[in-house]
Amino acid sequence: MILLYYVISCWLYTISQTLLLEHEEQTIVLLSFDGFRYDYIKKFDLENFERIAYHGVKADSLEPTFITKTFPNHFTIVTGLYEESHGIVANYMYDPVYKEYFDPVKSSKESKWWNNTVPIWIENEIQDRHDINKVKNKNDKTYKSASIYWPGSEAIYNNKKIHFIKSNYDPAYTFKKRYDKMIDLLLEPDPVNFITCYFEEPDNTAHQYGPDSKELKEKFISLDEEFGYFLNKLERANLYDAINIIIVSDHGMSTIKRENVYTLTDYTNAEDYDLIDYGTFLFLNPKDGKRENVYKKLHKIPHLKTYYKEDIPEEYHYKNNRRVSQIFALAEEGYFISPNKNYTLNNITQIFGDHGYSNKLKNMHGIFLAHGPAFKQNMKIKTIKNIDLYNLMCYILDLKPHPNNGTLDRVKSILKEKTLFTVIMKNPALIITLLSVCGLFIIVVILGCTLSCYRNLKDSSKRYTSVNDQEVPLTQWDENDDDGMMAPMK
């Protein structure tokens, strides 16, 4: 019994260590397709994207944070914070403390714009998964992150840069080259366990021609083909079922007609304000003494809702940051505010696409697909929020999330429940241990039964011998006697 106790104890310890190991070795590849609207997969019959949806998890849509622009939402996904919290409140913005303007190309490497928080790719490399009381040794596993063109990845956080960063956008660095690089990173001797990769389509094409155009349909033929190329390479490398692929987009896209474009300078005097950003919304900082005048004039523009910064609705989680302009105006879906007449004449086509509207509008929603060992299969769910993805990824990677605006509870149902059976099936060594324990248990049971039978036979044999030694005739036995016999009659 002592031996059995020892074996079972060792087996339970092995299970606990296997559970920990399985959790630590999870890998995530996070792909973002800019402007990939929630309904494009079905609309354009995208076979390879549908393949991921069938084998994994597909949400009805992914709700972005407000405003529905590229840089703010990409940073929300990797931090779990509203835009007012992480500070990237628009693609173009002005910081009154720095007294500088942010440009998505020129300012991306300047860490001061991003250092209000730490994204998950940094935490993946610096957090210790081990018990805080355990001394880390040189044999402990290291964790490495990689990023290709993801907004914010070029910055330095707490003097830390990740293992691999592809920066300085190059049109020659095609989507296939990005897929090839990710495969290489996953096949390194000490592979990365977290990758983010950004793709600028279908956003570019939809901006130019609109989300219902034949040009966008043609673009998706190549996008789906290239994505299929990536999936096939994963399968050939035996990675398709070994890693977690999460596919997202930062926002959706709406159609805008030329007749729904209003020119700002038709209603205001451009000398009364600094225009920071325009289009589906306006960022305006009025000149001294012009605040009320500018506000009143903006109210005259049709299909435009204008706010003083302090009056921006709480539901947008947007007004509590110094980089939000003093006056903010939001257009209704399908409407666009051009900065001046020259822009209107030279840049506005009959039909085009744009985003930036309220994040509650379905056309502003993106996609969410997930496949891999951490996720359930063939599961359809309702709309999820992109602020919850950070907590989801932290859970999969066994990271402690920093304080954020999301929650794991809203998305935890898409994860596989860890059961003893799944752990056993993924670990041959554990199967051997389990079979050994079962074999020992059976042997112990057989030995116990054999010993019990032997003792019973021995006791029966003693009783039979004592009866015969007394040579008592059967006629003198009393069946009612306790021990089945009686003393000889005199």
Protein backbone atom coordinates (compact mmCIF):
# COMPACT_ATOMS: atom_id res chain seq x y z
CA MET A 1 0.00 0.00 0.00
CA ILE A 2 2.93 2.35 0.68
CA LEU A 3 4.22 1.65 -2.82
CA LEU A 4 0.78 2.37 -4.31
CA TYR A 5 0.54 5.64 -2.38
CA TYR A 6 3.97 6.67 -3.65
CA VAL A 7 3.12 5.86 -7.28
CA ILE A 8 -0.21 7.73 -7.15
CA SER A 9 1.47 10.74 -5.54
CA CYS A 10 4.06 10.81 -8.32
CA TRP A 11 1.29 10.52 -10.92
CA LEU A 12 -0.68 13.43 -9.46
CA TYR A 13 2.49 15.55 -9.38
CA THR A 14 3.14 14.69 -13.03
CA ILE A 15 -0.39 15.78 -13.94
CA SER A 16 0.01 19.10 -12.18
CA GLN A 17 3.34 19.75 -13.92
CA THR A 18 1.87 18.73 -17.28
CA LEU A 19 -1.02 21.16 -16.84
CA LEU A 20 1.45 23.94 -16.13
CA LEU A 21 3.64 22.99 -19.06
CA GLU A 22 0.68 22.85 -21.43
CA HIS A 23 -0.37 26.34 -20.39
CA GLU A 24 3.12 27.82 -20.67
CA GLU A 25 3.71 26.51 -24.18
CA GLN A 26 0.74 28.23 -25.81
CA THR A 27 1.57 30.34 -28.87
CA ILE A 28 -0.53 33.14 -30.34
CA VAL A 29 -0.38 34.60 -33.84
CA LEU A 30 -2.52 37.74 -33.95
CA LEU A 31 -3.38 38.95 -37.46
CA SER A 32 -5.17 42.22 -38.17
CA PHE A 33 -6.69 43.09 -41.54
CA ASP A 34 -7.36 46.82 -41.60
CA GLY A 35 -10.99 47.71 -42.31
CA PHE A 36 -12.16 44.07 -42.64
CA ARG A 37 -15.88 44.57 -42.01
CA TYR A 38 -17.84 41.97 -40.06
CA ASP A 39 -19.84 40.75 -43.11
CA TYR A 40 -17.10 40.51 -45.75
CA ILE A 41 -16.46 36.78 -45.31
CA LYS A 42 -19.99 35.88 -46.35
CA LYS A 43 -20.39 38.82 -48.75
CA PHE A 44 -17.34 37.83 -50.83
CA ASP A 45 -17.39 34.07 -50.19
CA LEU A 46 -13.91 33.90 -48.66
CA GLU A 47 -13.11 30.20 -48.57
CA ASN A 48 -9.93 30.24 -46.50
CA PHE A 49 -11.19 32.70 -43.89
CA GLU A 50 -14.33 30.57 -43.65
CA ARG A 51 -12.08 27.56 -43.09
CA ILE A 52 -10.78 29.12 -39.89
CA ALA A 53 -14.33 30.03 -38.87
CA TYR A 54 -15.50 26.44 -39.39
CA HIS A 55 -12.66 24.81 -37.46
CA GLY A 56 -12.60 27.35 -34.65
CA VAL A 57 -14.56 30.28 -33.24
CA LYS A 58 -16.34 32.98 -35.24
CA ALA A 59 -17.98 36.03 -33.67
CA ASP A 60 -20.90 37.76 -35.34
CA SER A 61 -18.74 40.90 -35.18
CA LEU A 62 -15.96 42.59 -33.24
CA GLU A 63 -17.00 45.90 -31.68
CA PRO A 64 -14.20 48.47 -31.77
CA THR A 65 -13.66 51.26 -29.29
CA PHE A 66 -14.56 54.84 -30.12
CA ILE A 67 -13.31 56.42 -32.31
CA THR A 68 -13.29 53.77 -35.01
CA LYS A 69 -9.85 54.51 -36.41
CA THR A 70 -6.78 52.37 -37.06
CA PHE A 71 -4.11 53.41 -34.57
CA PRO A 72 -6.41 53.82 -31.54
CA ASN A 73 -8.07 50.41 -31.96
CA HIS A 74 -4.89 48.50 -32.67
CA PHE A 75 -3.44 49.80 -29.43
CA THR A 76 -6.65 48.94 -27.56
CA ILE A 77 -6.43 45.32 -28.72
CA VAL A 78 -2.95 44.85 -27.24
CA THR A 79 -3.58 46.82 -24.01
CA GLY A 80 -7.26 46.28 -23.14
CA LEU A 81 -7.69 50.03 -22.59
CA TYR A 82 -10.12 52.59 -23.93
CA GLU A 83 -8.53 55.21 -26.13
CA GLU A 84 -8.85 57.89 -23.46
CA SER A 85 -6.85 55.59 -21.16
CA HIS A 86 -3.97 54.55 -23.41
CA GLY A 87 -3.67 57.98 -25.04
CA ILE A 88 -3.72 57.12 -28.75
CA VAL A 89 -7.01 58.93 -29.35
CA ALA A 90 -6.75 59.33 -33.14
CA ASN A 91 -4.50 58.75 -36.12
CA TYR A 92 -3.70 62.46 -36.00
CA MET A 93 -3.70 64.36 -32.71
CA TYR A 94 -2.15 67.22 -30.77
CA ASP A 95 -0.62 66.99 -27.30
CA PRO A 96 -0.89 70.32 -25.42
CA VAL A 97 1.87 69.32 -22.99
CA TYR A 98 4.34 68.28 -25.67
CA LYS A 99 3.02 71.07 -27.92
CA GLU A 100 3.48 68.65 -30.79
CA TYR A 101 1.35 66.93 -33.42
CA PHE A 102 1.23 63.17 -33.82
CA ASP A 103 1.55 61.77 -37.33
CA PRO A 104 1.02 58.00 -37.85
CA VAL A 105 4.12 57.71 -40.04
CA LYS A 106 6.52 60.28 -38.60
CA SER A 107 5.70 59.83 -34.90
CA SER A 108 5.31 56.05 -34.56
CA LYS A 109 8.83 55.50 -33.25
CA GLU A 110 8.59 58.22 -30.61
CA SER A 111 7.98 56.33 -27.38
CA LYS A 112 6.57 59.33 -25.51
CA TRP A 113 3.29 58.99 -27.41
CA TRP A 114 2.84 55.35 -26.37
CA ASN A 115 4.32 55.10 -22.88
CA ASN A 116 1.10 55.51 -20.90
CA THR A 117 0.91 51.71 -20.76
CA VAL A 118 2.74 48.53 -21.75
CA PRO A 119 1.41 46.33 -24.59
CA ILE A 120 1.15 42.58 -24.33
CA TRP A 121 4.17 41.87 -26.53
CA ILE A 122 6.42 43.47 -23.91
CA GLU A 123 4.72 41.70 -21.01
CA ASN A 124 5.13 38.39 -22.81
CA GLU A 125 8.91 38.79 -22.65
CA ILE A 126 9.38 40.35 -19.21
CA GLN A 127 6.82 38.57 -17.02
CA ASP A 128 7.99 35.56 -15.05
CA ARG A 129 5.49 32.71 -15.29
CA HIS A 130 7.12 30.91 -12.36
CA ASP A 131 6.22 31.18 -8.71
CA ILE A 132 7.53 34.46 -7.33
CA ASN A 133 9.35 32.52 -4.57
CA LYS A 134 11.16 30.34 -7.08
CA VAL A 135 14.60 31.38 -8.25
CA LYS A 136 14.75 31.46 -12.04
CA ASN A 137 17.62 29.47 -13.51
CA LYS A 138 19.28 29.33 -16.89
CA ASN A 139 17.27 26.27 -17.94
CA ASP A 140 13.92 28.03 -17.58
CA LYS A 141 12.03 28.69 -20.79
CA THR A 142 12.36 32.14 -22.35
CA TYR A 143 9.52 33.87 -24.16
CA LYS A 144 9.88 35.96 -27.29
CA SER A 145 7.57 38.32 -29.15
CA ALA A 146 7.56 39.54 -32.74
CA SER A 147 5.64 42.26 -34.54
CA ILE A 148 5.22 43.19 -38.18
CA TYR A 149 3.89 46.72 -38.78
CA TRP A 150 1.56 46.68 -35.76
CA PRO A 151 0.91 50.28 -34.57
CA GLY A 152 2.98 50.98 -31.48
CA SER A 153 5.46 48.15 -31.98
CA GLU A 154 8.31 50.45 -33.03
CA ALA A 155 8.31 52.31 -29.71
CA ILE A 156 10.47 51.42 -26.71
CA TYR A 157 8.68 50.58 -23.45
CA ASN A 158 10.63 50.82 -20.20
CA ASN A 159 13.86 50.60 -22.20
CA LYS A 160 12.69 47.32 -23.70
CA LYS A 161 12.33 46.24 -27.33
CA ILE A 162 11.00 42.85 -28.36
CA HIS A 163 12.82 40.02 -30.16
CA PHE A 164 11.76 40.97 -33.71
CA ILE A 165 10.19 44.12 -35.14
CA LYS A 166 9.52 44.87 -38.80
CA SER A 167 9.32 48.64 -39.12
CA ASN A 168 9.70 51.24 -41.87
CA TYR A 169 6.78 50.33 -44.10
CA ASP A 170 7.89 48.94 -47.46
CA PRO A 171 5.33 48.22 -50.22
CA ALA A 172 7.68 45.53 -51.54
CA TYR A 173 7.24 43.62 -48.28
CA THR A 174 4.24 41.73 -49.62
CA PHE A 175 1.64 39.82 -47.64
CA LYS A 176 3.26 36.52 -48.67
CA LYS A 177 6.62 37.74 -47.39
CA ARG A 178 4.97 38.59 -44.08
CA TYR A 179 3.45 35.11 -43.90
CA ASP A 180 6.84 33.54 -44.73
CA LYS A 181 8.52 35.54 -41.99
CA MET A 182 5.98 34.42 -39.41
CA ILE A 183 6.57 30.78 -40.34
CA ASP A 184 10.32 31.33 -39.97
CA LEU A 185 9.82 32.89 -36.53
CA LEU A 186 7.69 29.93 -35.45
CA LEU A 187 10.31 27.43 -36.65
CA GLU A 188 13.33 29.00 -34.97
CA PRO A 189 15.26 26.68 -32.59
CA ASP A 190 13.89 28.81 -29.76
CA PRO A 191 10.66 30.00 -31.44
CA VAL A 192 8.62 33.06 -30.60
CA ASN A 193 5.36 32.44 -28.77
CA PHE A 194 3.59 35.70 -29.61
CA ILE A 195 3.33 37.42 -33.01
CA THR A 196 1.32 40.41 -34.19
CA CYS A 197 1.05 41.20 -37.88
CA TYR A 198 -0.77 44.06 -39.59
CA PHE A 199 -2.17 44.06 -43.15
CA GLU A 200 -3.27 47.34 -44.73
CA GLU A 201 -5.98 45.71 -46.84
CA PRO A 202 -8.91 45.67 -47.44
CA ASP A 203 -8.92 49.19 -45.97
CA ASN A 204 -6.94 50.86 -48.76
CA THR A 205 -9.13 49.52 -51.54
CA ALA A 206 -12.40 50.18 -49.71
CA HIS A 207 -11.41 53.78 -48.99
CA GLN A 208 -10.81 54.42 -52.66
CA TYR A 209 -13.72 52.56 -54.23
CA GLY A 210 -16.19 51.84 -51.42
CA PRO A 211 -17.10 48.65 -49.54
CA ASP A 212 -19.53 47.46 -52.22
CA SER A 213 -17.26 47.92 -55.22
CA LYS A 214 -16.10 45.35 -57.76
CA GLU A 215 -12.55 46.50 -57.05
CA LEU A 216 -12.88 45.39 -53.44
CA LYS A 217 -14.30 42.05 -54.53
CA GLU A 218 -11.29 41.54 -56.77
CA LYS A 219 -8.94 42.50 -53.94
CA PHE A 220 -10.47 39.86 -51.71
CA ILE A 221 -9.70 37.16 -54.26
CA SER A 222 -5.99 37.74 -53.72
CA LEU A 223 -6.40 38.31 -49.94
CA ASP A 224 -8.14 34.97 -49.51
CA GLU A 225 -5.64 33.19 -51.74
CA GLU A 226 -2.69 34.60 -49.80
CA PHE A 227 -4.28 33.67 -46.49
CA GLY A 228 -4.78 30.13 -47.81
CA TYR A 229 -1.07 30.09 -48.68
CA PHE A 230 -0.31 30.84 -45.02
CA LEU A 231 -2.63 28.12 -43.72
CA ASN A 232 -1.12 25.55 -46.07
CA LYS A 233 2.40 26.46 -44.92
CA LEU A 234 1.29 26.07 -41.32
CA GLU A 235 -0.06 22.61 -42.07
CA ARG A 236 3.12 21.50 -43.84
CA ALA A 237 5.11 22.69 -40.83
CA ASN A 238 2.75 20.82 -38.44
CA LEU A 239 1.81 24.14 -36.86
CA TYR A 240 -1.82 24.54 -37.90
CA ASP A 241 -3.24 22.71 -34.87
CA ALA A 242 -0.31 23.55 -32.58
CA ILE A 243 -0.64 27.35 -32.43
CA ASN A 244 -3.50 29.74 -31.74
CA ILE A 245 -4.42 31.97 -34.68
CA ILE A 246 -6.54 35.02 -33.85
CA ILE A 247 -7.83 37.14 -36.74
CA VAL A 248 -9.21 40.61 -36.05
CA SER A 249 -9.78 43.98 -37.66
CA ASP A 250 -9.67 47.45 -36.21
CA HIS A 251 -12.99 48.68 -37.63
CA GLY A 252 -15.43 48.28 -40.48
CA MET A 253 -16.31 50.56 -43.40
CA SER A 254 -19.27 52.61 -44.67
CA THR A 255 -20.19 53.89 -48.11
CA ILE A 256 -20.12 57.66 -48.67
CA LYS A 257 -21.59 59.43 -51.68
CA ARG A 258 -20.25 62.72 -52.96
CA GLU A 259 -23.55 64.52 -52.33
CA ASN A 260 -23.14 63.69 -48.63
CA VAL A 261 -19.86 65.58 -48.34
CA TYR A 262 -19.90 68.99 -46.63
CA THR A 263 -17.06 71.48 -46.84
CA LEU A 264 -16.02 72.89 -43.47
CA THR A 265 -14.96 76.30 -44.76
CA ASP A 266 -18.43 76.83 -46.25
CA TYR A 267 -19.66 77.19 -42.66
CA THR A 268 -16.63 78.42 -40.70
CA ASN A 269 -13.64 80.72 -40.91
CA ALA A 270 -10.48 78.57 -41.06
CA GLU A 271 -8.53 81.29 -39.23
CA ASP A 272 -10.61 80.77 -36.09
CA TYR A 273 -9.29 77.30 -35.23
CA ASP A 274 -6.55 74.73 -35.63
CA LEU A 275 -7.90 71.75 -37.54
CA ILE A 276 -6.20 68.58 -36.30
CA ASP A 277 -8.26 65.89 -38.02
CA TYR A 278 -11.31 65.76 -40.28
CA GLY A 279 -13.57 63.42 -42.25
CA THR A 280 -16.16 61.39 -40.38
CA PHE A 281 -15.37 63.50 -37.30
CA LEU A 282 -13.60 66.78 -36.53
CA PHE A 283 -10.80 67.59 -34.11
CA LEU A 284 -10.76 71.37 -33.60
CA ASN A 285 -8.92 73.62 -31.18
CA PRO A 286 -10.41 77.14 -31.39
CA LYS A 287 -8.13 80.16 -31.24
CA ASP A 288 -8.32 82.37 -28.15
CA GLY A 289 -11.73 83.99 -27.82
CA LYS A 290 -13.23 81.98 -30.70
CA ARG A 291 -14.48 78.91 -28.82
CA GLU A 292 -18.19 79.77 -28.65
CA ASN A 293 -18.25 81.24 -32.16
CA VAL A 294 -16.70 78.15 -33.73
CA TYR A 295 -19.03 75.88 -31.74
CA LYS A 296 -22.13 77.73 -32.98
CA LYS A 297 -21.02 77.67 -36.62
CA LEU A 298 -20.31 73.93 -36.52
CA HIS A 299 -23.87 73.38 -35.33
CA LYS A 300 -25.09 74.68 -38.70
CA ILE A 301 -23.46 71.83 -40.65
CA PRO A 302 -26.11 69.21 -41.49
CA HIS A 303 -25.74 65.66 -40.13
CA LEU A 304 -22.97 66.71 -37.73
CA LYS A 305 -23.22 66.51 -33.95
CA THR A 306 -20.88 68.97 -32.20
CA TYR A 307 -19.63 68.74 -28.60
CA TYR A 308 -17.45 70.70 -26.28
CA LYS A 309 -14.86 68.24 -25.03
CA GLU A 310 -16.44 68.05 -21.56
CA ASP A 311 -19.82 67.19 -23.10
CA ILE A 312 -18.74 64.16 -25.11
CA PRO A 313 -21.12 61.31 -24.08
CA GLU A 314 -19.80 59.02 -21.35
CA GLU A 315 -20.67 55.95 -23.43
CA TYR A 316 -17.81 56.79 -25.79
CA HIS A 317 -15.17 56.62 -22.99
CA TYR A 318 -13.35 59.31 -24.88
CA LYS A 319 -13.26 62.75 -23.28
CA ASN A 320 -10.83 62.16 -20.41
CA ASN A 321 -7.54 62.69 -22.20
CA ARG A 322 -5.60 65.85 -22.92
CA ARG A 323 -5.12 64.85 -26.56
CA VAL A 324 -8.84 65.04 -27.32
CA SER A 325 -9.49 68.44 -28.93
CA GLN A 326 -11.45 71.22 -27.23
CA ILE A 327 -14.27 70.85 -29.75
CA PHE A 328 -15.21 67.46 -31.15
CA ALA A 329 -17.81 66.87 -33.86
CA LEU A 330 -19.13 63.51 -35.11
CA ALA A 331 -20.88 62.97 -38.46
CA GLU A 332 -23.80 60.67 -39.03
CA GLU A 333 -23.03 57.47 -40.90
CA GLY A 334 -22.58 58.06 -44.61
CA TYR A 335 -21.56 61.73 -44.24
CA PHE A 336 -18.13 63.32 -44.52
CA ILE A 337 -16.68 66.74 -43.64
CA SER A 338 -14.07 68.00 -46.09
CA PRO A 339 -11.56 70.57 -44.70
CA ASN A 340 -11.79 73.02 -47.62
CA LYS A 341 -12.95 73.46 -51.22
CA ASN A 342 -9.66 72.39 -52.79
CA TYR A 343 -9.76 69.08 -50.96
CA THR A 344 -13.39 68.58 -51.97
CA LEU A 345 -12.67 69.23 -55.64
CA ASN A 346 -9.47 67.19 -55.88
CA ASN A 347 -9.99 64.24 -53.53
CA ILE A 348 -13.68 63.44 -53.33
CA THR A 349 -14.97 60.85 -55.79
CA GLN A 350 -18.57 59.94 -56.52
CA ILE A 351 -18.48 56.97 -54.14
CA PHE A 352 -15.83 56.10 -51.57
CA GLY A 353 -15.54 54.49 -48.16
CA ASP A 354 -14.60 55.67 -44.69
CA HIS A 355 -14.87 54.91 -40.97
CA GLY A 356 -14.58 56.76 -37.68
CA TYR A 357 -18.29 56.86 -36.86
CA SER A 358 -19.90 55.62 -33.65
CA ASN A 359 -18.65 52.19 -32.61
CA LYS A 360 -22.26 51.14 -31.99
CA LEU A 361 -22.98 51.15 -35.74
CA LYS A 362 -22.76 47.63 -37.16
CA ASN A 363 -20.91 48.77 -40.29
CA MET A 364 -18.11 49.96 -38.02
CA HIS A 365 -17.67 46.45 -36.60
CA GLY A 366 -14.81 44.20 -37.63
CA ILE A 367 -14.17 40.45 -37.58
CA PHE A 368 -13.05 37.98 -34.94
CA LEU A 369 -11.93 34.46 -35.81
CA ALA A 370 -9.87 32.12 -33.63
CA HIS A 371 -8.47 28.64 -34.07
CA GLY A 372 -6.02 26.54 -32.09
CA PRO A 373 -5.47 24.36 -29.04
CA ALA A 374 -6.88 26.98 -26.66
CA PHE A 375 -10.18 27.44 -28.52
CA LYS A 376 -13.34 25.43 -28.99
CA GLN A 377 -14.22 24.19 -32.47
CA ASN A 378 -17.01 25.17 -34.85
CA MET A 379 -18.41 27.70 -32.39
CA LYS A 380 -20.46 30.75 -33.33
CA ILE A 381 -20.85 33.58 -30.82
CA LYS A 382 -22.45 36.99 -30.71
CA THR A 383 -20.65 40.32 -30.97
CA ILE A 384 -17.63 40.68 -28.70
CA LYS A 385 -15.69 43.81 -27.68
CA ASN A 386 -12.10 44.35 -28.69
CA ILE A 387 -11.21 45.63 -25.19
CA ASP A 388 -11.67 42.04 -23.98
CA LEU A 389 -9.08 40.53 -26.31
CA TYR A 390 -6.14 41.63 -24.17
CA ASN A 391 -7.42 39.66 -21.17
CA LEU A 392 -8.16 36.68 -23.41
CA MET A 393 -4.61 36.61 -24.75
CA CYS A 394 -3.09 37.13 -21.31
CA TYR A 395 -5.04 34.13 -20.04
CA ILE A 396 -3.86 31.93 -22.90
CA LEU A 397 -0.23 33.01 -22.43
CA ASP A 398 -0.44 32.72 -18.62
CA LEU A 399 0.27 36.43 -18.14
CA LYS A 400 -0.98 38.66 -15.38
CA PRO A 401 -2.85 41.52 -17.11
CA HIS A 402 -2.30 45.08 -16.03
CA PRO A 403 -5.41 47.05 -14.94
CA ASN A 404 -7.60 47.52 -18.01
CA ASN A 405 -11.12 48.25 -19.21
CA GLY A 406 -11.93 44.76 -20.47
CA THR A 407 -12.91 41.51 -18.82
CA LEU A 408 -12.18 37.85 -19.44
CA ASP A 409 -15.66 36.80 -18.32
CA ARG A 410 -17.30 38.04 -21.54
CA VAL A 411 -15.08 35.87 -23.77
CA LYS A 412 -13.94 32.95 -21.61
CA SER A 413 -16.68 30.68 -23.00
CA ILE A 414 -14.82 30.35 -26.32
CA LEU A 415 -11.85 28.65 -24.62
CA LYS A 416 -11.55 24.92 -24.24
CA GLU A 417 -12.01 23.68 -20.71
CA LYS A 418 -8.91 21.92 -19.51
CA THR A 419 -9.84 18.36 -18.57
CA LEU A 420 -7.70 15.46 -17.42
CA PHE A 421 -8.60 13.60 -20.63
CA THR A 422 -7.28 16.37 -22.91
CA VAL A 423 -4.08 16.62 -20.89
CA ILE A 424 -3.55 12.84 -21.04
CA MET A 425 -4.17 12.64 -24.79
CA LYS A 426 -1.60 15.33 -25.49
CA ASN A 427 1.10 13.72 -23.33
CA PRO A 428 2.28 10.17 -24.18
CA ALA A 429 4.48 10.07 -21.07
CA LEU A 430 1.43 10.65 -18.93
CA ILE A 431 -0.41 7.82 -20.70
CA ILE A 432 2.46 5.44 -19.87
CA THR A 433 2.43 6.62 -16.25
CA LEU A 434 -1.33 6.16 -16.03
CA LEU A 435 -1.18 2.67 -17.54
CA SER A 436 1.62 1.77 -15.12
CA VAL A 437 -0.47 2.95 -12.16
CA CYS A 438 -3.49 1.01 -13.43
CA GLY A 439 -1.33 -2.08 -13.91
CA LEU A 440 0.10 -1.84 -10.40
CA PHE A 441 -3.40 -1.34 -9.01
CA ILE A 442 -4.64 -4.47 -10.79
CA ILE A 443 -1.65 -6.45 -9.53
CA VAL A 444 -2.30 -5.28 -5.96
CA VAL A 445 -5.97 -6.24 -6.27
CA ILE A 446 -5.08 -9.71 -7.65
CA LEU A 447 -2.51 -10.27 -4.90
CA GLY A 448 -5.02 -9.16 -2.29
CA CYS A 449 -7.70 -11.50 -3.61
CA THR A 450 -5.21 -14.37 -3.83
CA LEU A 451 -4.04 -13.84 -0.25
CA SER A 452 -7.63 -13.63 0.98
CA CYS A 453 -8.57 -16.88 -0.79
CA TYR A 454 -5.47 -18.60 0.58
CA ARG A 455 -6.33 -17.59 4.14
CA ASN A 456 -9.93 -18.78 3.75
CA LEU A 457 -8.77 -22.12 2.38
CA LYS A 458 -6.27 -22.52 5.21
CA ASP A 459 -8.91 -21.79 7.89
CA SER A 460 -11.31 -24.24 6.25
CA SER A 461 -8.62 -26.90 6.15
CA LYS A 462 -7.88 -26.51 9.88
CA ARG A 463 -11.54 -26.88 10.79
CA TYR A 464 -11.90 -29.99 8.63
CA THR A 465 -8.81 -31.61 10.23
CA SER A 466 -9.94 -30.94 13.82
CA VAL A 467 -13.31 -32.52 13.16
CA ASN A 468 -11.82 -35.66 11.71
CA ASP A 469 -9.28 -35.99 14.50
CA GLN A 470 -12.11 -36.32 17.05
CA GLU A 471 -13.64 -39.21 15.09
CA VAL A 472 -17.18 -38.27 16.09
CA PRO A 473 -19.91 -40.26 14.28
CA LEU A 474 -22.20 -38.20 12.10
CA THR A 475 -25.22 -39.46 14.06
CA GLN A 476 -23.97 -37.58 17.10
CA TRP A 477 -23.85 -34.17 15.41
CA ASP A 478 -26.39 -31.53 16.27
CA GLU A 479 -27.21 -29.20 13.34
CA ASN A 480 -28.45 -26.53 15.75
CA ASP A 481 -25.16 -26.30 17.62
CA ASP A 482 -23.23 -23.05 17.08
CA ASP A 483 -20.08 -24.67 15.81
CA GLY A 484 -21.86 -27.37 13.84
CA MET A 485 -21.02 -30.30 16.24
CA MET A 486 -21.43 -31.48 19.81
CA ALA A 487 -19.42 -33.46 22.33
CA PRO A 488 -19.59 -37.28 22.17
CA MET A 489 -22.52 -38.81 24.02
CA LYS A 490 -21.64 -40.89 27.09
